[in-house]
Amino acid sequence: MIYSLYIINKAGGLIYQKDFNEGLAHLSSNEYLVLAGTFHGVHAITSQISPVKNSNSSGLEVLEADTFKLYCYQTLTGTKFLIIAESSHPSIDAILYRTYDIYSDYVMKNPFYTPEMPIRSELFDLNLQKLMKQIGG
């Protein structure tokens, strides 16, 4: 089961957030923004540290907890896609890439969308919801 999706712009601002599980506790708008900014900072730090010499680390990609896993996909432009899912959920990478495809098709190709700003796209929401239904999220 997919619990949540967050999209963070290259400056660390939350531009999209969606919960897919009705049982989740909802945070305030400010708490979602703090969560995004905190993750952005941690991601930046982890991209700088690596136990392997001459390694170009891309930063934090998976954070595993007892009850969930947080997966991060950072695009070449610096936009981060975060998915919080059950620990046992298979093929999250494919879901992250498919989410990025939907974002590319319905947000970035929209002539009325301003890059790095909050996403307000009905087509994006509909196609994302369709993806989550297909995978059982």
N, C-alpha and C. Protein backbone atom coordinates (compact mmCIF):
# COMPACT_ATOMS: atom_id res chain seq x y z
N MET A 1 0.83 -1.18 0.00
CA MET A 1 0.00 0.00 0.00
C MET A 1 0.88 1.25 0.00
N ILE A 2 0.51 2.20 -0.81
CA ILE A 2 1.18 3.50 -0.85
C ILE A 2 0.44 4.40 0.12
N TYR A 3 1.17 5.03 1.03
CA TYR A 3 0.55 5.91 2.01
C TYR A 3 0.47 7.36 1.52
N SER A 4 1.60 7.88 1.03
CA SER A 4 1.65 9.30 0.67
C SER A 4 2.64 9.56 -0.44
N LEU A 5 2.42 10.69 -1.13
CA LEU A 5 3.33 11.19 -2.15
C LEU A 5 3.62 12.65 -1.84
N TYR A 6 4.89 13.00 -1.91
CA TYR A 6 5.32 14.39 -1.74
C TYR A 6 6.20 14.74 -2.94
N ILE A 7 6.04 15.94 -3.45
CA ILE A 7 6.92 16.46 -4.49
C ILE A 7 7.54 17.74 -3.94
N ILE A 8 8.87 17.76 -3.93
CA ILE A 8 9.63 18.88 -3.36
C ILE A 8 10.44 19.52 -4.47
N ASN A 9 10.35 20.85 -4.58
CA ASN A 9 11.12 21.53 -5.63
C ASN A 9 12.60 21.62 -5.26
N LYS A 10 13.42 22.12 -6.17
CA LYS A 10 14.87 22.11 -5.96
C LYS A 10 15.31 23.03 -4.82
N ALA A 11 14.45 23.95 -4.39
CA ALA A 11 14.78 24.83 -3.28
C ALA A 11 14.31 24.26 -1.94
N GLY A 12 13.64 23.12 -1.96
CA GLY A 12 13.18 22.50 -0.72
C GLY A 12 11.74 22.82 -0.37
N GLY A 13 11.02 23.46 -1.26
CA GLY A 13 9.62 23.79 -1.01
C GLY A 13 8.69 22.67 -1.43
N LEU A 14 7.67 22.45 -0.65
CA LEU A 14 6.68 21.43 -0.96
C LEU A 14 5.74 21.97 -2.03
N ILE A 15 5.71 21.30 -3.20
CA ILE A 15 4.84 21.77 -4.27
C ILE A 15 3.65 20.84 -4.49
N TYR A 16 3.68 19.66 -3.87
CA TYR A 16 2.53 18.76 -3.98
C TYR A 16 2.58 17.75 -2.85
N GLN A 17 1.41 17.44 -2.29
CA GLN A 17 1.30 16.42 -1.24
C GLN A 17 -0.04 15.75 -1.37
N LYS A 18 -0.04 14.43 -1.32
CA LYS A 18 -1.29 13.68 -1.42
C LYS A 18 -1.18 12.43 -0.56
N ASP A 19 -2.19 12.22 0.30
CA ASP A 19 -2.29 10.99 1.09
C ASP A 19 -3.23 10.05 0.37
N PHE A 20 -2.88 8.76 0.32
CA PHE A 20 -3.69 7.76 -0.36
C PHE A 20 -4.34 6.78 0.61
N ASN A 21 -4.12 6.97 1.90
CA ASN A 21 -4.67 6.09 2.92
C ASN A 21 -5.51 6.93 3.86
N GLU A 22 -6.77 6.61 3.97
CA GLU A 22 -7.69 7.39 4.81
C GLU A 22 -7.35 7.30 6.30
N GLY A 23 -6.64 6.26 6.71
CA GLY A 23 -6.34 6.06 8.12
C GLY A 23 -5.17 6.87 8.65
N LEU A 24 -4.48 7.59 7.77
CA LEU A 24 -3.32 8.36 8.20
C LEU A 24 -3.73 9.59 8.99
N ALA A 25 -2.93 9.93 9.99
CA ALA A 25 -3.15 11.19 10.70
C ALA A 25 -2.72 12.33 9.79
N HIS A 26 -3.55 13.33 9.68
CA HIS A 26 -3.24 14.46 8.80
C HIS A 26 -2.48 15.52 9.57
N LEU A 27 -1.46 16.06 8.93
CA LEU A 27 -0.66 17.11 9.51
C LEU A 27 -1.24 18.46 9.08
N SER A 28 -0.83 19.51 9.77
CA SER A 28 -1.24 20.85 9.35
C SER A 28 -0.41 21.24 8.12
N SER A 29 -0.84 22.27 7.42
CA SER A 29 -0.11 22.74 6.25
C SER A 29 1.33 23.10 6.61
N ASN A 30 1.49 23.74 7.75
CA ASN A 30 2.82 24.13 8.19
C ASN A 30 3.70 22.92 8.48
N GLU A 31 3.12 21.88 9.06
CA GLU A 31 3.89 20.67 9.36
C GLU A 31 4.34 19.96 8.09
N TYR A 32 3.49 19.95 7.05
CA TYR A 32 3.89 19.38 5.76
C TYR A 32 5.07 20.17 5.17
N LEU A 33 5.02 21.49 5.28
CA LEU A 33 6.12 22.33 4.76
C LEU A 33 7.41 22.08 5.53
N VAL A 34 7.32 21.95 6.85
CA VAL A 34 8.50 21.66 7.67
C VAL A 34 9.07 20.29 7.31
N LEU A 35 8.20 19.32 7.12
CA LEU A 35 8.65 17.97 6.74
C LEU A 35 9.43 18.02 5.42
N ALA A 36 8.91 18.73 4.44
CA ALA A 36 9.57 18.84 3.13
C ALA A 36 10.93 19.54 3.26
N GLY A 37 10.96 20.63 4.00
CA GLY A 37 12.22 21.37 4.18
C GLY A 37 13.25 20.55 4.93
N THR A 38 12.81 19.82 5.93
CA THR A 38 13.72 18.98 6.70
C THR A 38 14.29 17.87 5.83
N PHE A 39 13.42 17.21 5.06
CA PHE A 39 13.91 16.15 4.18
C PHE A 39 14.89 16.71 3.16
N HIS A 40 14.60 17.88 2.63
CA HIS A 40 15.50 18.51 1.65
C HIS A 40 16.89 18.71 2.25
N GLY A 41 16.94 19.19 3.49
CA GLY A 41 18.22 19.40 4.17
C GLY A 41 18.96 18.10 4.43
N VAL A 42 18.25 17.09 4.90
CA VAL A 42 18.87 15.78 5.14
C VAL A 42 19.37 15.18 3.83
N HIS A 43 18.60 15.33 2.78
CA HIS A 43 19.00 14.81 1.46
C HIS A 43 20.28 15.50 0.99
N ALA A 44 20.37 16.80 1.19
CA ALA A 44 21.56 17.55 0.79
C ALA A 44 22.79 17.09 1.57
N ILE A 45 22.62 16.86 2.86
CA ILE A 45 23.73 16.40 3.69
C ILE A 45 24.18 15.01 3.28
N THR A 46 23.22 14.11 3.07
CA THR A 46 23.57 12.74 2.71
C THR A 46 24.20 12.65 1.32
N SER A 47 23.95 13.63 0.46
CA SER A 47 24.59 13.61 -0.85
C SER A 47 26.06 14.01 -0.75
N GLN A 48 26.44 14.65 0.37
CA GLN A 48 27.81 15.08 0.55
C GLN A 48 28.69 14.07 1.28
N ILE A 49 28.05 13.17 2.01
CA ILE A 49 28.83 12.19 2.78
C ILE A 49 28.71 10.83 2.12
N SER A 50 29.81 10.15 2.03
CA SER A 50 29.81 8.81 1.47
C SER A 50 31.03 8.07 2.02
N PRO A 51 30.85 6.84 2.45
CA PRO A 51 31.99 6.08 2.95
C PRO A 51 32.94 5.63 1.83
N VAL A 52 32.54 5.81 0.59
CA VAL A 52 33.35 5.40 -0.55
C VAL A 52 34.04 6.63 -1.14
N LYS A 53 35.37 6.57 -1.28
CA LYS A 53 36.10 7.71 -1.85
C LYS A 53 35.71 7.93 -3.30
N ASN A 54 35.72 9.20 -3.69
CA ASN A 54 35.41 9.62 -5.07
C ASN A 54 34.03 9.16 -5.52
N SER A 55 33.11 9.06 -4.58
CA SER A 55 31.75 8.65 -4.92
C SER A 55 30.88 9.89 -5.08
N ASN A 56 30.14 9.96 -6.14
CA ASN A 56 29.17 11.03 -6.34
C ASN A 56 27.82 10.52 -5.86
N SER A 57 27.57 10.66 -4.57
CA SER A 57 26.34 10.17 -3.98
C SER A 57 25.17 11.04 -4.42
N SER A 58 24.05 10.40 -4.68
CA SER A 58 22.85 11.15 -5.05
C SER A 58 22.00 11.47 -3.83
N GLY A 59 22.48 11.12 -2.66
CA GLY A 59 21.75 11.43 -1.44
C GLY A 59 20.86 10.28 -0.99
N LEU A 60 20.05 10.56 -0.01
CA LEU A 60 19.17 9.58 0.58
C LEU A 60 18.16 9.07 -0.44
N GLU A 61 18.12 7.76 -0.63
CA GLU A 61 17.17 7.17 -1.58
C GLU A 61 16.10 6.34 -0.89
N VAL A 62 16.44 5.68 0.21
CA VAL A 62 15.47 4.87 0.95
C VAL A 62 15.71 5.06 2.45
N LEU A 63 14.64 5.29 3.18
CA LEU A 63 14.69 5.37 4.63
C LEU A 63 13.74 4.30 5.14
N GLU A 64 14.26 3.36 5.89
CA GLU A 64 13.45 2.23 6.35
C GLU A 64 13.16 2.36 7.83
N ALA A 65 11.88 2.24 8.18
CA ALA A 65 11.44 2.26 9.57
C ALA A 65 10.72 0.94 9.85
N ASP A 66 10.25 0.76 11.06
CA ASP A 66 9.55 -0.49 11.41
C ASP A 66 8.26 -0.69 10.63
N THR A 67 7.53 0.39 10.38
CA THR A 67 6.20 0.26 9.78
C THR A 67 6.07 0.82 8.38
N PHE A 68 7.11 1.44 7.85
CA PHE A 68 7.03 2.00 6.51
C PHE A 68 8.43 2.19 5.93
N LYS A 69 8.46 2.47 4.62
CA LYS A 69 9.69 2.88 3.95
C LYS A 69 9.41 4.16 3.19
N LEU A 70 10.38 5.06 3.21
CA LEU A 70 10.30 6.29 2.45
C LEU A 70 11.28 6.18 1.29
N TYR A 71 10.79 6.37 0.09
CA TYR A 71 11.60 6.26 -1.11
C TYR A 71 11.71 7.64 -1.74
N CYS A 72 12.90 7.97 -2.24
CA CYS A 72 13.11 9.26 -2.87
C CYS A 72 13.72 9.07 -4.26
N TYR A 73 13.15 9.78 -5.21
CA TYR A 73 13.72 9.84 -6.57
C TYR A 73 13.97 11.30 -6.88
N GLN A 74 15.23 11.65 -7.10
CA GLN A 74 15.57 13.03 -7.46
C GLN A 74 15.82 13.11 -8.96
N THR A 75 15.12 14.03 -9.62
CA THR A 75 15.28 14.20 -11.06
C THR A 75 16.55 15.00 -11.34
N LEU A 76 16.92 15.08 -12.60
CA LEU A 76 18.10 15.85 -12.99
C LEU A 76 17.94 17.34 -12.70
N THR A 77 16.70 17.82 -12.62
CA THR A 77 16.46 19.23 -12.31
C THR A 77 16.44 19.52 -10.82
N GLY A 78 16.54 18.48 -9.99
CA GLY A 78 16.57 18.67 -8.55
C GLY A 78 15.23 18.48 -7.87
N THR A 79 14.18 18.23 -8.62
CA THR A 79 12.86 17.96 -8.03
C THR A 79 12.90 16.57 -7.41
N LYS A 80 12.35 16.47 -6.19
CA LYS A 80 12.35 15.19 -5.47
C LYS A 80 10.93 14.65 -5.38
N PHE A 81 10.81 13.36 -5.67
CA PHE A 81 9.55 12.64 -5.52
C PHE A 81 9.71 11.68 -4.36
N LEU A 82 8.89 11.85 -3.33
CA LEU A 82 8.95 10.99 -2.15
C LEU A 82 7.68 10.16 -2.08
N ILE A 83 7.84 8.88 -1.89
CA ILE A 83 6.70 7.98 -1.67
C ILE A 83 6.92 7.28 -0.34
N ILE A 84 5.89 7.32 0.49
CA ILE A 84 5.90 6.58 1.74
C ILE A 84 4.97 5.39 1.53
N ALA A 85 5.50 4.19 1.74
CA ALA A 85 4.76 2.96 1.46
C ALA A 85 5.00 1.93 2.56
N GLU A 86 4.21 0.87 2.50
CA GLU A 86 4.43 -0.26 3.40
C GLU A 86 5.83 -0.80 3.19
N SER A 87 6.41 -1.33 4.23
CA SER A 87 7.76 -1.87 4.14
C SER A 87 7.89 -2.98 3.11
N SER A 88 6.83 -3.74 2.93
CA SER A 88 6.90 -4.90 2.05
C SER A 88 6.44 -4.61 0.62
N HIS A 89 6.13 -3.36 0.31
CA HIS A 89 5.59 -3.06 -1.02
C HIS A 89 6.67 -3.27 -2.10
N PRO A 90 6.34 -4.05 -3.14
CA PRO A 90 7.32 -4.30 -4.20
C PRO A 90 7.34 -3.19 -5.24
N SER A 91 8.39 -3.08 -5.97
CA SER A 91 8.55 -2.24 -7.17
C SER A 91 8.22 -0.76 -6.98
N ILE A 92 8.70 -0.17 -5.93
CA ILE A 92 8.45 1.26 -5.71
C ILE A 92 9.19 2.09 -6.76
N ASP A 93 10.36 1.63 -7.20
CA ASP A 93 11.09 2.38 -8.23
C ASP A 93 10.24 2.58 -9.47
N ALA A 94 9.55 1.56 -9.90
CA ALA A 94 8.70 1.68 -11.09
C ALA A 94 7.57 2.68 -10.84
N ILE A 95 7.04 2.70 -9.64
CA ILE A 95 5.97 3.64 -9.30
C ILE A 95 6.51 5.07 -9.29
N LEU A 96 7.71 5.26 -8.73
CA LEU A 96 8.32 6.59 -8.73
C LEU A 96 8.55 7.09 -10.16
N TYR A 97 9.06 6.24 -11.03
CA TYR A 97 9.31 6.64 -12.42
C TYR A 97 8.00 6.93 -13.15
N ARG A 98 6.98 6.12 -12.88
CA ARG A 98 5.69 6.35 -13.53
C ARG A 98 5.06 7.66 -13.03
N THR A 99 5.23 7.95 -11.74
CA THR A 99 4.75 9.22 -11.18
C THR A 99 5.46 10.39 -11.85
N TYR A 100 6.76 10.24 -12.06
CA TYR A 100 7.52 11.29 -12.74
C TYR A 100 7.03 11.46 -14.18
N ASP A 101 6.69 10.37 -14.85
CA ASP A 101 6.14 10.46 -16.21
C ASP A 101 4.83 11.26 -16.21
N ILE A 102 3.97 10.96 -15.25
CA ILE A 102 2.69 11.67 -15.15
C ILE A 102 2.93 13.16 -14.88
N TYR A 103 3.88 13.44 -13.98
CA TYR A 103 4.26 14.83 -13.68
C TYR A 103 4.76 15.54 -14.94
N SER A 104 5.61 14.86 -15.70
CA SER A 104 6.15 15.44 -16.93
C SER A 104 5.04 15.73 -17.94
N ASP A 105 4.12 14.78 -18.08
CA ASP A 105 3.06 14.92 -19.08
C ASP A 105 2.00 15.96 -18.72
N TYR A 106 1.60 16.01 -17.45
CA TYR A 106 0.45 16.83 -17.09
C TYR A 106 0.79 18.09 -16.30
N VAL A 107 2.01 18.22 -15.84
CA VAL A 107 2.40 19.43 -15.13
C VAL A 107 3.40 20.22 -15.97
N MET A 108 4.51 19.60 -16.31
CA MET A 108 5.57 20.34 -17.01
C MET A 108 5.20 20.72 -18.44
N LYS A 109 4.31 19.98 -19.08
CA LYS A 109 3.88 20.33 -20.43
C LYS A 109 2.69 21.28 -20.44
N ASN A 110 2.22 21.64 -19.27
CA ASN A 110 1.10 22.57 -19.15
C ASN A 110 1.64 24.00 -19.32
N PRO A 111 1.20 24.72 -20.34
CA PRO A 111 1.74 26.07 -20.57
C PRO A 111 1.36 27.06 -19.47
N PHE A 112 0.38 26.73 -18.64
CA PHE A 112 -0.04 27.65 -17.58
C PHE A 112 0.63 27.36 -16.24
N TYR A 113 1.46 26.34 -16.18
CA TYR A 113 2.15 26.00 -14.94
C TYR A 113 3.45 26.76 -14.85
N THR A 114 3.69 27.37 -13.70
CA THR A 114 4.95 28.05 -13.43
C THR A 114 5.86 27.08 -12.68
N PRO A 115 7.03 26.76 -13.26
CA PRO A 115 7.94 25.81 -12.59
C PRO A 115 8.29 26.24 -11.16
N GLU A 116 8.43 25.24 -10.31
CA GLU A 116 8.79 25.40 -8.89
C GLU A 116 7.65 25.88 -8.01
N MET A 117 6.47 26.08 -8.59
CA MET A 117 5.31 26.55 -7.82
C MET A 117 4.40 25.38 -7.50
N PRO A 118 3.49 25.55 -6.52
CA PRO A 118 2.57 24.47 -6.17
C PRO A 118 1.81 23.94 -7.39
N ILE A 119 1.57 22.65 -7.41
CA ILE A 119 0.90 21.98 -8.53
C ILE A 119 -0.60 22.00 -8.29
N ARG A 120 -1.30 22.61 -9.24
CA ARG A 120 -2.76 22.64 -9.21
C ARG A 120 -3.24 22.17 -10.58
N SER A 121 -3.27 20.88 -10.78
CA SER A 121 -3.63 20.32 -12.08
C SER A 121 -4.60 19.16 -11.89
N GLU A 122 -5.80 19.34 -12.40
CA GLU A 122 -6.80 18.28 -12.28
C GLU A 122 -6.39 17.03 -13.05
N LEU A 123 -5.80 17.22 -14.23
CA LEU A 123 -5.35 16.07 -15.03
C LEU A 123 -4.25 15.29 -14.31
N PHE A 124 -3.34 16.00 -13.66
CA PHE A 124 -2.29 15.34 -12.88
C PHE A 124 -2.92 14.52 -11.76
N ASP A 125 -3.85 15.13 -11.01
CA ASP A 125 -4.52 14.43 -9.92
C ASP A 125 -5.25 13.19 -10.41
N LEU A 126 -5.99 13.32 -11.50
CA LEU A 126 -6.76 12.19 -12.03
C LEU A 126 -5.86 11.04 -12.47
N ASN A 127 -4.79 11.35 -13.19
CA ASN A 127 -3.89 10.30 -13.66
C ASN A 127 -3.09 9.68 -12.53
N LEU A 128 -2.74 10.46 -11.53
CA LEU A 128 -2.06 9.92 -10.36
C LEU A 128 -2.99 8.99 -9.59
N GLN A 129 -4.24 9.39 -9.44
CA GLN A 129 -5.22 8.55 -8.77
C GLN A 129 -5.43 7.24 -9.54
N LYS A 130 -5.45 7.32 -10.86
CA LYS A 130 -5.60 6.12 -11.70
C LYS A 130 -4.41 5.18 -11.49
N LEU A 131 -3.20 5.74 -11.44
CA LEU A 131 -2.01 4.93 -11.18
C LEU A 131 -2.11 4.23 -9.83
N MET A 132 -2.52 4.94 -8.81
CA MET A 132 -2.61 4.35 -7.47
C MET A 132 -3.66 3.25 -7.41
N LYS A 133 -4.74 3.41 -8.16
CA LYS A 133 -5.76 2.35 -8.20
C LYS A 133 -5.22 1.12 -8.92
N GLN A 134 -4.43 1.32 -9.96
CA GLN A 134 -3.85 0.20 -10.71
C GLN A 134 -2.92 -0.63 -9.84
N ILE A 135 -2.16 0.05 -8.99
CA ILE A 135 -1.18 -0.68 -8.17
C ILE A 135 -1.75 -1.05 -6.81
N GLY A 136 -2.97 -0.61 -6.53
CA GLY A 136 -3.59 -0.97 -5.25
C GLY A 136 -3.20 -0.06 -4.12
N GLY A 137 -2.83 1.19 -4.41
CA GLY A 137 -2.41 2.14 -3.39
C GLY A 137 -3.55 2.87 -2.74
